[in-house]
Amino acid sequence: MPKAPATPALPAEPASYEAALEELEQLVARIESGQLPLDQMLAGYRRGAALLAFCRQRLEAVQDQIKVLDDGQLQPWTQE
């Protein structure tokens, strides 16, 4: 009896925003190199989309925390 194909394991969620951003930058560089086979490029695109969603979610969470700290108003960022 033929064995069912194994489903690929989902990559782990990044440890932090910075780790996700670094992985995303490396992934984009590999995709842009044009050296990946089509199936790896597709998998890389999917991983990149997941990393991008993770980064956006983290940024939105931080933005929401800043709103709370600024009494509901986003203030312009000024460096002193």
Protein backbone atom coordinates (compact mmCIF):
# COMPACT_ATOMS: atom_id res chain seq x y z
CA MET A 1 0.00 0.00 0.00
CA PRO A 2 1.51 3.42 -0.96
CA LYS A 3 2.37 5.74 1.83
CA ALA A 4 0.53 9.07 1.93
CA PRO A 5 2.80 12.01 1.20
CA ALA A 6 3.92 13.75 4.34
CA THR A 7 2.67 17.27 4.79
CA PRO A 8 5.54 19.67 5.24
CA ALA A 9 5.89 21.00 8.77
CA LEU A 10 4.98 24.63 9.19
CA PRO A 11 7.92 26.84 10.10
CA ALA A 12 7.93 28.08 13.65
CA GLU A 13 6.72 31.55 14.48
CA PRO A 14 9.63 33.98 14.72
CA ALA A 15 10.97 34.75 18.19
CA SER A 16 10.67 38.50 17.66
CA TYR A 17 9.90 41.24 15.17
CA GLU A 18 13.61 41.65 14.53
CA ALA A 19 14.09 37.93 13.86
CA ALA A 20 11.14 37.93 11.45
CA LEU A 21 12.47 40.98 9.63
CA GLU A 22 15.94 39.45 9.30
CA GLU A 23 14.53 36.17 7.97
CA LEU A 24 12.31 38.09 5.54
CA GLU A 25 15.28 40.10 4.23
CA GLN A 26 17.32 36.92 3.69
CA LEU A 27 14.38 35.24 1.99
CA VAL A 28 13.85 38.16 -0.38
CA ALA A 29 17.54 38.13 -1.30
CA ARG A 30 17.39 34.40 -2.13
CA ILE A 31 14.22 34.82 -4.20
CA GLU A 32 15.63 37.84 -6.05
CA SER A 33 18.81 35.92 -6.86
CA GLY A 34 16.81 33.81 -9.29
CA GLN A 35 18.69 30.68 -8.23
CA LEU A 36 15.82 28.91 -6.43
CA PRO A 37 13.84 26.13 -8.10
CA LEU A 38 10.20 26.98 -8.68
CA ASP A 39 8.86 24.88 -5.79
CA GLN A 40 11.31 26.49 -3.32
CA MET A 41 10.45 29.93 -4.67
CA LEU A 42 6.76 29.28 -4.05
CA ALA A 43 7.47 28.00 -0.54
CA GLY A 44 9.64 31.07 0.05
CA TYR A 45 6.86 33.36 -1.13
CA ARG A 46 4.42 31.70 1.27
CA ARG A 47 6.87 31.99 4.16
CA GLY A 48 7.51 35.62 3.24
CA ALA A 49 3.79 36.38 3.30
CA ALA A 50 3.53 34.78 6.76
CA LEU A 51 6.54 36.76 8.03
CA LEU A 52 5.11 39.98 6.63
CA ALA A 53 1.78 39.33 8.39
CA PHE A 54 3.66 38.62 11.64
CA CYS A 55 5.60 41.91 11.36
CA ARG A 56 2.47 43.92 10.58
CA GLN A 57 0.67 42.36 13.55
CA ARG A 58 3.54 43.23 15.89
CA LEU A 59 3.71 46.81 14.60
CA GLU A 60 -0.05 47.26 15.03
CA ALA A 61 0.17 45.92 18.59
CA VAL A 62 2.94 48.38 19.43
CA GLN A 63 1.00 51.22 17.81
CA ASP A 64 -2.05 50.33 19.94
CA GLN A 65 0.11 50.38 23.08
CA ILE A 66 1.48 53.80 22.14
CA LYS A 67 -2.08 55.11 21.69
CA VAL A 68 -2.90 53.98 25.22
CA LEU A 69 0.21 55.67 26.59
CA ASP A 70 -0.65 58.88 24.72
CA ASP A 71 -4.27 58.97 25.98
CA GLY A 72 -5.73 57.64 22.73
CA GLN A 73 -3.94 60.08 20.45
CA LEU A 74 -1.05 59.18 18.19
CA GLN A 75 1.57 61.84 18.52
CA PRO A 76 4.15 62.68 15.84
CA TRP A 77 7.54 61.14 16.54
CA THR A 78 10.11 63.77 17.35
CA GLN A 79 13.71 63.10 18.18
CA GLU A 80 15.16 65.54 20.63
